Amino acid sequence: MTNEEFFRVLFHGGNSYWLTRFVILRLLGFVYAIAFLIAAQQLVPLVGEHGLTPANHFFERVQAHFGSRPAAALQLPSLFWFGISDKGLSIFAWVGVG
């Protein structure tokens, strides 16, 4: 197979961007996977129940600022309003990796 035939087979659809889309989407998925792997390793020590800045204290301050939990949840939507724990943080991070 010559180079010309190879490129003809590779780009058989004419001027299409399918290869570019394919590569960019795979690279974006790779970046997200790395980000969630890093989060899985660092979330609990940083924002866990006994972390450097516990997330539950942050949510309590947000709730106090807006006056009620529903008002705070409307201004700061998050799944963590339903409950936050070290195990929950780990589950969310590992689900993101998957």
PDB file of N, CA and C in Angstrom:
ATOM      1  N   MET A   1       0.855  -1.173   0.000  1.00  0.00           N
ATOM      2  CA  MET A   1       0.000   0.000   0.000  1.00  0.00           C
ATOM      3  C   MET A   1       0.900   1.233   0.000  1.00  0.00           C
ATOM      4  N   THR A   2       0.706   2.104  -0.956  1.00  0.00           N
ATOM      5  CA  THR A   2       1.505   3.319  -1.045  1.00  0.00           C
ATOM      6  C   THR A   2       0.930   4.370  -0.107  1.00  0.00           C
ATOM      7  N   ASN A   3       1.700   5.428   0.075  1.00  0.00           N
ATOM      8  CA  ASN A   3       1.245   6.514   0.942  1.00  0.00           C
ATOM      9  C   ASN A   3      -0.049   7.129   0.431  1.00  0.00           C
ATOM     10  N   GLU A   4      -0.149   7.276  -0.859  1.00  0.00           N
ATOM     11  CA  GLU A   4      -1.351   7.877  -1.439  1.00  0.00           C
ATOM     12  C   GLU A   4      -2.577   7.007  -1.175  1.00  0.00           C
ATOM     13  N   GLU A   5      -2.438   5.710  -1.337  1.00  0.00           N
ATOM     14  CA  GLU A   5      -3.559   4.800  -1.058  1.00  0.00           C
ATOM     15  C   GLU A   5      -3.911   4.802   0.425  1.00  0.00           C
ATOM     16  N   PHE A   6      -2.891   4.868   1.274  1.00  0.00           N
ATOM     17  CA  PHE A   6      -3.123   4.897   2.715  1.00  0.00           C
ATOM     18  C   PHE A   6      -3.958   6.115   3.105  1.00  0.00           C
ATOM     19  N   PHE A   7      -3.576   7.294   2.604  1.00  0.00           N
ATOM     20  CA  PHE A   7      -4.322   8.502   2.927  1.00  0.00           C
ATOM     21  C   PHE A   7      -5.715   8.495   2.302  1.00  0.00           C
ATOM     22  N   ARG A   8      -5.859   7.882   1.149  1.00  0.00           N
ATOM     23  CA  ARG A   8      -7.171   7.788   0.523  1.00  0.00           C
ATOM     24  C   ARG A   8      -8.099   6.929   1.386  1.00  0.00           C
ATOM     25  N   VAL A   9      -7.571   5.829   1.912  1.00  0.00           N
ATOM     26  CA  VAL A   9      -8.370   4.965   2.786  1.00  0.00           C
ATOM     27  C   VAL A   9      -8.671   5.677   4.099  1.00  0.00           C
ATOM     28  N   LEU A  10      -7.674   6.381   4.639  1.00  0.00           N
ATOM     29  CA  LEU A  10      -7.837   7.061   5.922  1.00  0.00           C
ATOM     30  C   LEU A  10      -8.857   8.191   5.831  1.00  0.00           C
ATOM     31  N   PHE A  11      -8.840   8.924   4.744  1.00  0.00           N
ATOM     32  CA  PHE A  11      -9.732  10.071   4.577  1.00  0.00           C
ATOM     33  C   PHE A  11     -10.733   9.817   3.460  1.00  0.00           C
ATOM     34  N   HIS A  12     -11.351   8.671   3.469  1.00  0.00           N
ATOM     35  CA  HIS A  12     -12.268   8.285   2.397  1.00  0.00           C
ATOM     36  C   HIS A  12     -13.508   9.155   2.331  1.00  0.00           C
ATOM     37  N   GLY A  13     -13.852   9.847   3.404  1.00  0.00           N
ATOM     38  CA  GLY A  13     -15.064  10.649   3.429  1.00  0.00           C
ATOM     39  C   GLY A  13     -14.890  12.035   2.858  1.00  0.00           C
ATOM     40  N   GLY A  14     -13.767  12.349   2.301  1.00  0.00           N
ATOM     41  CA  GLY A  14     -13.546  13.686   1.776  1.00  0.00           C
ATOM     42  C   GLY A  14     -12.970  14.581   2.861  1.00  0.00           C
ATOM     43  N   ASN A  15     -13.394  15.824   2.848  1.00  0.00           N
ATOM     44  CA  ASN A  15     -12.903  16.787   3.827  1.00  0.00           C
ATOM     45  C   ASN A  15     -13.715  16.687   5.106  1.00  0.00           C
ATOM     46  N   SER A  16     -13.438  15.687   5.871  1.00  0.00           N
ATOM     47  CA  SER A  16     -14.150  15.464   7.119  1.00  0.00           C
ATOM     48  C   SER A  16     -13.168  15.607   8.272  1.00  0.00           C
ATOM     49  N   TYR A  17     -13.695  15.885   9.427  1.00  0.00           N
ATOM     50  CA  TYR A  17     -12.848  16.087  10.598  1.00  0.00           C
ATOM     51  C   TYR A  17     -13.004  14.953  11.597  1.00  0.00           C
ATOM     52  N   TRP A  18     -13.360  13.778  11.149  1.00  0.00           N
ATOM     53  CA  TRP A  18     -13.622  12.676  12.070  1.00  0.00           C
ATOM     54  C   TRP A  18     -12.369  12.261  12.825  1.00  0.00           C
ATOM     55  N   LEU A  19     -11.226  12.283  12.180  1.00  0.00           N
ATOM     56  CA  LEU A  19      -9.987  11.891  12.857  1.00  0.00           C
ATOM     57  C   LEU A  19      -9.622  12.913  13.929  1.00  0.00           C
ATOM     58  N   THR A  20      -9.769  14.183  13.619  1.00  0.00           N
ATOM     59  CA  THR A  20      -9.495  15.235  14.593  1.00  0.00           C
ATOM     60  C   THR A  20     -10.434  15.122  15.777  1.00  0.00           C
ATOM     61  N   ARG A  21     -11.722  14.936  15.513  1.00  0.00           N
ATOM     62  CA  ARG A  21     -12.686  14.765  16.600  1.00  0.00           C
ATOM     63  C   ARG A  21     -12.341  13.555  17.445  1.00  0.00           C
ATOM     64  N   PHE A  22     -12.007  12.466  16.786  1.00  0.00           N
ATOM     65  CA  PHE A  22     -11.669  11.234  17.490  1.00  0.00           C
ATOM     66  C   PHE A  22     -10.486  11.455  18.432  1.00  0.00           C
ATOM     67  N   VAL A  23      -9.431  12.076  17.928  1.00  0.00           N
ATOM     68  CA  VAL A  23      -8.225  12.289  18.733  1.00  0.00           C
ATOM     69  C   VAL A  23      -8.495  13.262  19.872  1.00  0.00           C
ATOM     70  N   ILE A  24      -9.162  14.368  19.581  1.00  0.00           N
ATOM     71  CA  ILE A  24      -9.414  15.375  20.615  1.00  0.00           C
ATOM     72  C   ILE A  24     -10.314  14.821  21.706  1.00  0.00           C
ATOM     73  N   LEU A  25     -11.353  14.081  21.346  1.00  0.00           N
ATOM     74  CA  LEU A  25     -12.233  13.513  22.369  1.00  0.00           C
ATOM     75  C   LEU A  25     -11.506  12.489  23.229  1.00  0.00           C
ATOM     76  N   ARG A  26     -10.628  11.693  22.635  1.00  0.00           N
ATOM     77  CA  ARG A  26      -9.864  10.716  23.422  1.00  0.00           C
ATOM     78  C   ARG A  26      -8.894  11.426  24.357  1.00  0.00           C
ATOM     79  N   LEU A  27      -8.251  12.484  23.871  1.00  0.00           N
ATOM     80  CA  LEU A  27      -7.337  13.242  24.725  1.00  0.00           C
ATOM     81  C   LEU A  27      -8.081  13.937  25.858  1.00  0.00           C
ATOM     82  N   LEU A  28      -9.260  14.464  25.563  1.00  0.00           N
ATOM     83  CA  LEU A  28     -10.064  15.087  26.606  1.00  0.00           C
ATOM     84  C   LEU A  28     -10.477  14.065  27.659  1.00  0.00           C
ATOM     85  N   GLY A  29     -10.871  12.883  27.226  1.00  0.00           N
ATOM     86  CA  GLY A  29     -11.196  11.815  28.165  1.00  0.00           C
ATOM     87  C   GLY A  29     -10.003  11.426  29.010  1.00  0.00           C
ATOM     88  N   PHE A  30      -8.821  11.401  28.408  1.00  0.00           N
ATOM     89  CA  PHE A  30      -7.598  11.091  29.153  1.00  0.00           C
ATOM     90  C   PHE A  30      -7.326  12.148  30.217  1.00  0.00           C
ATOM     91  N   VAL A  31      -7.500  13.423  29.866  1.00  0.00           N
ATOM     92  CA  VAL A  31      -7.289  14.509  30.825  1.00  0.00           C
ATOM     93  C   VAL A  31      -8.268  14.387  31.988  1.00  0.00           C
ATOM     94  N   TYR A  32      -9.548  14.106  31.697  1.00  0.00           N
ATOM     95  CA  TYR A  32     -10.534  13.933  32.764  1.00  0.00           C
ATOM     96  C   TYR A  32     -10.199  12.732  33.638  1.00  0.00           C
ATOM     97  N   ALA A  33      -9.743  11.645  33.045  1.00  0.00           N
ATOM     98  CA  ALA A  33      -9.379  10.463  33.830  1.00  0.00           C
ATOM     99  C   ALA A  33      -8.233  10.782  34.778  1.00  0.00           C
ATOM    100  N   ILE A  34      -7.236  11.495  34.300  1.00  0.00           N
ATOM    101  CA  ILE A  34      -6.113  11.885  35.161  1.00  0.00           C
ATOM    102  C   ILE A  34      -6.599  12.807  36.275  1.00  0.00           C
ATOM    103  N   ALA A  35      -7.476  13.756  35.943  1.00  0.00           N
ATOM    104  CA  ALA A  35      -7.990  14.678  36.957  1.00  0.00           C
ATOM    105  C   ALA A  35      -8.761  13.937  38.041  1.00  0.00           C
ATOM    106  N   PHE A  36      -9.597  12.988  37.662  1.00  0.00           N
ATOM    107  CA  PHE A  36     -10.353  12.244  38.663  1.00  0.00           C
ATOM    108  C   PHE A  36      -9.463  11.292  39.454  1.00  0.00           C
ATOM    109  N   LEU A  37      -8.423  10.747  38.837  1.00  0.00           N
ATOM    110  CA  LEU A  37      -7.471   9.925  39.591  1.00  0.00           C
ATOM    111  C   LEU A  37      -6.762  10.758  40.654  1.00  0.00           C
ATOM    112  N   ILE A  38      -6.368  11.958  40.292  1.00  0.00           N
ATOM    113  CA  ILE A  38      -5.737  12.855  41.263  1.00  0.00           C
ATOM    114  C   ILE A  38      -6.729  13.213  42.361  1.00  0.00           C
ATOM    115  N   ALA A  39      -7.974  13.492  41.981  1.00  0.00           N
ATOM    116  CA  ALA A  39      -8.997  13.807  42.980  1.00  0.00           C
ATOM    117  C   ALA A  39      -9.229  12.633  43.914  1.00  0.00           C
ATOM    118  N   ALA A  40      -9.234  11.424  43.381  1.00  0.00           N
ATOM    119  CA  ALA A  40      -9.451  10.242  44.219  1.00  0.00           C
ATOM    120  C   ALA A  40      -8.348  10.105  45.262  1.00  0.00           C
ATOM    121  N   GLN A  41      -7.153  10.521  44.922  1.00  0.00           N
ATOM    122  CA  GLN A  41      -6.039  10.423  45.861  1.00  0.00           C
ATOM    123  C   GLN A  41      -6.025  11.565  46.870  1.00  0.00           C
ATOM    124  N   GLN A  42      -6.524  12.743  46.502  1.00  0.00           N
ATOM    125  CA  GLN A  42      -6.342  13.921  47.342  1.00  0.00           C
ATOM    126  C   GLN A  42      -7.600  14.455  48.010  1.00  0.00           C
ATOM    127  N   LEU A  43      -8.781  14.032  47.589  1.00  0.00           N
ATOM    128  CA  LEU A  43      -9.998  14.614  48.151  1.00  0.00           C
ATOM    129  C   LEU A  43     -10.134  14.378  49.647  1.00  0.00           C
ATOM    130  N   VAL A  44      -9.971  13.164  50.088  1.00  0.00           N
ATOM    131  CA  VAL A  44     -10.179  12.852  51.506  1.00  0.00           C
ATOM    132  C   VAL A  44      -9.175  13.588  52.393  1.00  0.00           C
ATOM    133  N   PRO A  45      -7.874  13.592  52.084  1.00  0.00           N
ATOM    134  CA  PRO A  45      -6.956  14.341  52.948  1.00  0.00           C
ATOM    135  C   PRO A  45      -7.182  15.854  52.919  1.00  0.00           C
ATOM    136  N   LEU A  46      -7.724  16.364  51.832  1.00  0.00           N
ATOM    137  CA  LEU A  46      -7.903  17.810  51.743  1.00  0.00           C
ATOM    138  C   LEU A  46      -9.261  18.278  52.257  1.00  0.00           C
ATOM    139  N   VAL A  47     -10.346  17.673  51.795  1.00  0.00           N
ATOM    140  CA  VAL A  47     -11.681  18.159  52.166  1.00  0.00           C
ATOM    141  C   VAL A  47     -12.522  17.096  52.857  1.00  0.00           C
ATOM    142  N   GLY A  48     -11.909  16.035  53.315  1.00  0.00           N
ATOM    143  CA  GLY A  48     -12.632  14.982  54.026  1.00  0.00           C
ATOM    144  C   GLY A  48     -13.062  15.446  55.410  1.00  0.00           C
ATOM    145  N   GLU A  49     -13.671  14.550  56.166  1.00  0.00           N
ATOM    146  CA  GLU A  49     -14.196  14.895  57.489  1.00  0.00           C
ATOM    147  C   GLU A  49     -13.113  15.417  58.427  1.00  0.00           C
ATOM    148  N   HIS A  50     -11.909  14.897  58.319  1.00  0.00           N
ATOM    149  CA  HIS A  50     -10.798  15.344  59.166  1.00  0.00           C
ATOM    150  C   HIS A  50      -9.669  15.910  58.313  1.00  0.00           C
ATOM    151  N   GLY A  51     -10.017  16.486  57.174  1.00  0.00           N
ATOM    152  CA  GLY A  51      -9.023  17.021  56.251  1.00  0.00           C
ATOM    153  C   GLY A  51      -8.575  18.419  56.637  1.00  0.00           C
ATOM    154  N   LEU A  52      -7.784  19.021  55.771  1.00  0.00           N
ATOM    155  CA  LEU A  52      -7.279  20.367  56.036  1.00  0.00           C
ATOM    156  C   LEU A  52      -8.403  21.393  56.100  1.00  0.00           C
ATOM    157  N   THR A  53      -9.296  21.359  55.140  1.00  0.00           N
ATOM    158  CA  THR A  53     -10.469  22.245  55.139  1.00  0.00           C
ATOM    159  C   THR A  53     -11.697  21.395  54.857  1.00  0.00           C
ATOM    160  N   PRO A  54     -12.341  20.875  55.889  1.00  0.00           N
ATOM    161  CA  PRO A  54     -13.469  19.955  55.693  1.00  0.00           C
ATOM    162  C   PRO A  54     -14.602  20.591  54.888  1.00  0.00           C
ATOM    163  N   ALA A  55     -15.112  19.845  53.942  1.00  0.00           N
ATOM    164  CA  ALA A  55     -16.168  20.343  53.061  1.00  0.00           C
ATOM    165  C   ALA A  55     -17.467  20.580  53.821  1.00  0.00           C
ATOM    166  N   ASN A  56     -17.736  19.783  54.854  1.00  0.00           N
ATOM    167  CA  ASN A  56     -18.990  19.982  55.584  1.00  0.00           C
ATOM    168  C   ASN A  56     -19.015  21.343  56.276  1.00  0.00           C
ATOM    169  N   HIS A  57     -17.858  21.870  56.711  1.00  0.00           N
ATOM    170  CA  HIS A  57     -17.815  23.221  57.285  1.00  0.00           C
ATOM    171  C   HIS A  57     -18.132  24.265  56.213  1.00  0.00           C
ATOM    172  N   PHE A  58     -17.639  24.052  55.015  1.00  0.00           N
ATOM    173  CA  PHE A  58     -17.930  24.963  53.906  1.00  0.00           C
ATOM    174  C   PHE A  58     -19.426  25.003  53.622  1.00  0.00           C
ATOM    175  N   PHE A  59     -20.062  23.827  53.558  1.00  0.00           N
ATOM    176  CA  PHE A  59     -21.497  23.784  53.287  1.00  0.00           C
ATOM    177  C   PHE A  59     -22.297  24.410  54.426  1.00  0.00           C
ATOM    178  N   GLU A  60     -21.829  24.263  55.662  1.00  0.00           N
ATOM    179  CA  GLU A  60     -22.502  24.916  56.791  1.00  0.00           C
ATOM    180  C   GLU A  60     -22.417  26.431  56.671  1.00  0.00           C
ATOM    181  N   ARG A  61     -21.257  26.955  56.266  1.00  0.00           N
ATOM    182  CA  ARG A  61     -21.111  28.407  56.093  1.00  0.00           C
ATOM    183  C   ARG A  61     -21.983  28.917  54.958  1.00  0.00           C
ATOM    184  N   VAL A  62     -22.055  28.170  53.869  1.00  0.00           N
ATOM    185  CA  VAL A  62     -22.910  28.574  52.745  1.00  0.00           C
ATOM    186  C   VAL A  62     -24.367  28.590  53.180  1.00  0.00           C
ATOM    187  N   GLN A  63     -24.775  27.577  53.935  1.00  0.00           N
ATOM    188  CA  GLN A  63     -26.155  27.514  54.419  1.00  0.00           C
ATOM    189  C   GLN A  63     -26.445  28.684  55.353  1.00  0.00           C
ATOM    190  N   ALA A  64     -25.511  29.026  56.229  1.00  0.00           N
ATOM    191  CA  ALA A  64     -25.704  30.161  57.137  1.00  0.00           C
ATOM    192  C   ALA A  64     -25.782  31.473  56.358  1.00  0.00           C
ATOM    193  N   HIS A  65     -25.013  31.595  55.303  1.00  0.00           N
ATOM    194  CA  HIS A  65     -25.013  32.822  54.508  1.00  0.00           C
ATOM    195  C   HIS A  65     -26.351  33.030  53.800  1.00  0.00           C
ATOM    196  N   PHE A  66     -26.918  31.976  53.243  1.00  0.00           N
ATOM    197  CA  PHE A  66     -28.171  32.098  52.501  1.00  0.00           C
ATOM    198  C   PHE A  66     -29.398  31.898  53.367  1.00  0.00           C
ATOM    199  N   GLY A  67     -29.247  31.487  54.600  1.00  0.00           N
ATOM    200  CA  GLY A  67     -30.365  31.402  55.524  1.00  0.00           C
ATOM    201  C   GLY A  67     -31.031  30.049  55.615  1.00  0.00           C
ATOM    202  N   SER A  68     -31.061  29.296  54.568  1.00  0.00           N
ATOM    203  CA  SER A  68     -31.688  27.974  54.616  1.00  0.00           C
ATOM    204  C   SER A  68     -30.971  27.051  53.635  1.00  0.00           C
ATOM    205  N   ARG A  69     -31.160  25.772  53.857  1.00  0.00           N
ATOM    206  CA  ARG A  69     -30.508  24.790  52.986  1.00  0.00           C
ATOM    207  C   ARG A  69     -31.062  24.832  51.561  1.00  0.00           C
ATOM    208  N   PRO A  70     -32.393  24.913  51.357  1.00  0.00           N
ATOM    209  CA  PRO A  70     -32.888  24.985  49.968  1.00  0.00           C
ATOM    210  C   PRO A  70     -32.389  26.222  49.212  1.00  0.00           C
ATOM    211  N   ALA A  71     -32.338  27.365  49.898  1.00  0.00           N
ATOM    212  CA  ALA A  71     -31.840  28.578  49.239  1.00  0.00           C
ATOM    213  C   ALA A  71     -30.364  28.430  48.886  1.00  0.00           C
ATOM    214  N   ALA A  72     -29.611  27.832  49.785  1.00  0.00           N
ATOM    215  CA  ALA A  72     -28.187  27.618  49.521  1.00  0.00           C
ATOM    216  C   ALA A  72     -27.994  26.617  48.387  1.00  0.00           C
ATOM    217  N   ALA A  73     -28.824  25.578  48.355  1.00  0.00           N
ATOM    218  CA  ALA A  73     -28.707  24.566  47.306  1.00  0.00           C
ATOM    219  C   ALA A  73     -29.064  25.148  45.936  1.00  0.00           C
ATOM    220  N   LEU A  74     -29.964  26.120  45.902  1.00  0.00           N
ATOM    221  CA  LEU A  74     -30.286  26.772  44.630  1.00  0.00           C
ATOM    222  C   LEU A  74     -29.123  27.630  44.135  1.00  0.00           C
ATOM    223  N   GLN A  75     -28.419  28.261  45.058  1.00  0.00           N
ATOM    224  CA  GLN A  75     -27.297  29.108  44.677  1.00  0.00           C
ATOM    225  C   GLN A  75     -26.017  28.318  44.413  1.00  0.00           C
ATOM    226  N   LEU A  76     -25.877  27.177  45.099  1.00  0.00           N
ATOM    227  CA  LEU A  76     -24.685  26.339  44.952  1.00  0.00           C
ATOM    228  C   LEU A  76     -25.126  24.891  44.780  1.00  0.00           C
ATOM    229  N   PRO A  77     -25.571  24.518  43.576  1.00  0.00           N
ATOM    230  CA  PRO A  77     -26.046  23.144  43.375  1.00  0.00           C
ATOM    231  C   PRO A  77     -24.903  22.143  43.502  1.00  0.00           C
ATOM    232  N   SER A  78     -25.151  21.097  44.281  1.00  0.00           N
ATOM    233  CA  SER A  78     -24.138  20.063  44.487  1.00  0.00           C
ATOM    234  C   SER A  78     -24.812  18.804  45.008  1.00  0.00           C
ATOM    235  N   LEU A  79     -24.285  17.661  44.614  1.00  0.00           N
ATOM    236  CA  LEU A  79     -24.783  16.399  45.162  1.00  0.00           C
ATOM    237  C   LEU A  79     -24.403  16.238  46.624  1.00  0.00           C
ATOM    238  N   PHE A  80     -23.429  16.990  47.077  1.00  0.00           N
ATOM    239  CA  PHE A  80     -22.961  16.857  48.452  1.00  0.00           C
ATOM    240  C   PHE A  80     -23.903  17.496  49.468  1.00  0.00           C
ATOM    241  N   TRP A  81     -24.956  18.173  49.031  1.00  0.00           N
ATOM    242  CA  TRP A  81     -25.956  18.669  49.971  1.00  0.00           C
ATOM    243  C   TRP A  81     -26.708  17.509  50.618  1.00  0.00           C
ATOM    244  N   PHE A  82     -26.740  16.357  49.966  1.00  0.00           N
ATOM    245  CA  PHE A  82     -27.450  15.202  50.513  1.00  0.00           C
ATOM    246  C   PHE A  82     -26.648  14.487  51.586  1.00  0.00           C
ATOM    247  N   GLY A  83     -25.419  14.847  51.759  1.00  0.00           N
ATOM    248  CA  GLY A  83     -24.568  14.231  52.764  1.00  0.00           C
ATOM    249  C   GLY A  83     -23.157  14.106  52.231  1.00  0.00           C
ATOM    250  N   ILE A  84     -22.220  14.351  53.103  1.00  0.00           N
ATOM    251  CA  ILE A  84     -20.825  14.295  52.677  1.00  0.00           C
ATOM    252  C   ILE A  84     -20.046  13.491  53.704  1.00  0.00           C
ATOM    253  N   SER A  85     -19.275  12.557  53.205  1.00  0.00           N
ATOM    254  CA  SER A  85     -18.430  11.740  54.073  1.00  0.00           C
ATOM    255  C   SER A  85     -17.178  11.366  53.295  1.00  0.00           C
ATOM    256  N   ASP A  86     -16.211  10.824  54.001  1.00  0.00           N
ATOM    257  CA  ASP A  86     -14.984  10.399  53.321  1.00  0.00           C
ATOM    258  C   ASP A  86     -15.282   9.333  52.275  1.00  0.00           C
ATOM    259  N   LYS A  87     -16.154   8.414  52.635  1.00  0.00           N
ATOM    260  CA  LYS A  87     -16.513   7.344  51.702  1.00  0.00           C
ATOM    261  C   LYS A  87     -17.246   7.919  50.481  1.00  0.00           C
ATOM    262  N   GLY A  88     -18.148   8.871  50.718  1.00  0.00           N
ATOM    263  CA  GLY A  88     -18.872   9.504  49.618  1.00  0.00           C
ATOM    264  C   GLY A  88     -17.949  10.253  48.671  1.00  0.00           C
ATOM    265  N   LEU A  89     -16.968  10.965  49.231  1.00  0.00           N
ATOM    266  CA  LEU A  89     -15.994  11.660  48.382  1.00  0.00           C
ATOM    267  C   LEU A  89     -15.223  10.676  47.516  1.00  0.00           C
ATOM    268  N   SER A  90     -14.810   9.580  48.120  1.00  0.00           N
ATOM    269  CA  SER A  90     -14.068   8.565  47.361  1.00  0.00           C
ATOM    270  C   SER A  90     -14.930   7.946  46.269  1.00  0.00           C
ATOM    271  N   ILE A  91     -16.184   7.668  46.598  1.00  0.00           N
ATOM    272  CA  ILE A  91     -17.086   7.070  45.604  1.00  0.00           C
ATOM    273  C   ILE A  91     -17.276   8.007  44.418  1.00  0.00           C
ATOM    274  N   PHE A  92     -17.524   9.292  44.687  1.00  0.00           N
ATOM    275  CA  PHE A  92     -17.712  10.249  43.596  1.00  0.00           C
ATOM    276  C   PHE A  92     -16.458  10.343  42.728  1.00  0.00           C
ATOM    277  N   ALA A  93     -15.287  10.350  43.351  1.00  0.00           N
ATOM    278  CA  ALA A  93     -14.049  10.454  42.574  1.00  0.00           C
ATOM    279  C   ALA A  93     -13.832   9.213  41.717  1.00  0.00           C
ATOM    280  N   TRP A  94     -14.053   8.024  42.280  1.00  0.00           N
ATOM    281  CA  TRP A  94     -13.820   6.799  41.506  1.00  0.00           C
ATOM    282  C   TRP A  94     -14.884   6.591  40.434  1.00  0.00           C
ATOM    283  N   VAL A  95     -16.104   7.066  40.671  1.00  0.00           N
ATOM    284  CA  VAL A  95     -17.126   7.010  39.617  1.00  0.00           C
ATOM    285  C   VAL A  95     -16.718   7.937  38.470  1.00  0.00           C
ATOM    286  N   GLY A  96     -16.125   9.071  38.798  1.00  0.00           N
ATOM    287  CA  GLY A  96     -15.635   9.974  37.764  1.00  0.00           C
ATOM    288  C   GLY A  96     -14.530   9.361  36.925  1.00  0.00           C
ATOM    289  N   VAL A  97     -13.691   8.548  37.545  1.00  0.00           N
ATOM    290  CA  VAL A  97     -12.637   7.868  36.792  1.00  0.00           C
ATOM    291  C   VAL A  97     -13.254   6.880  35.810  1.00  0.00           C
ATOM    292  N   GLY A  98     -14.296   6.197  36.275  1.00  0.00           N
ATOM    293  CA  GLY A  98     -14.940   5.176  35.430  1.00  0.00           C
ATOM    294  C   GLY A  98     -15.721   5.798  34.345  1.00  0.00           C
TER     295      GLY A  98
END
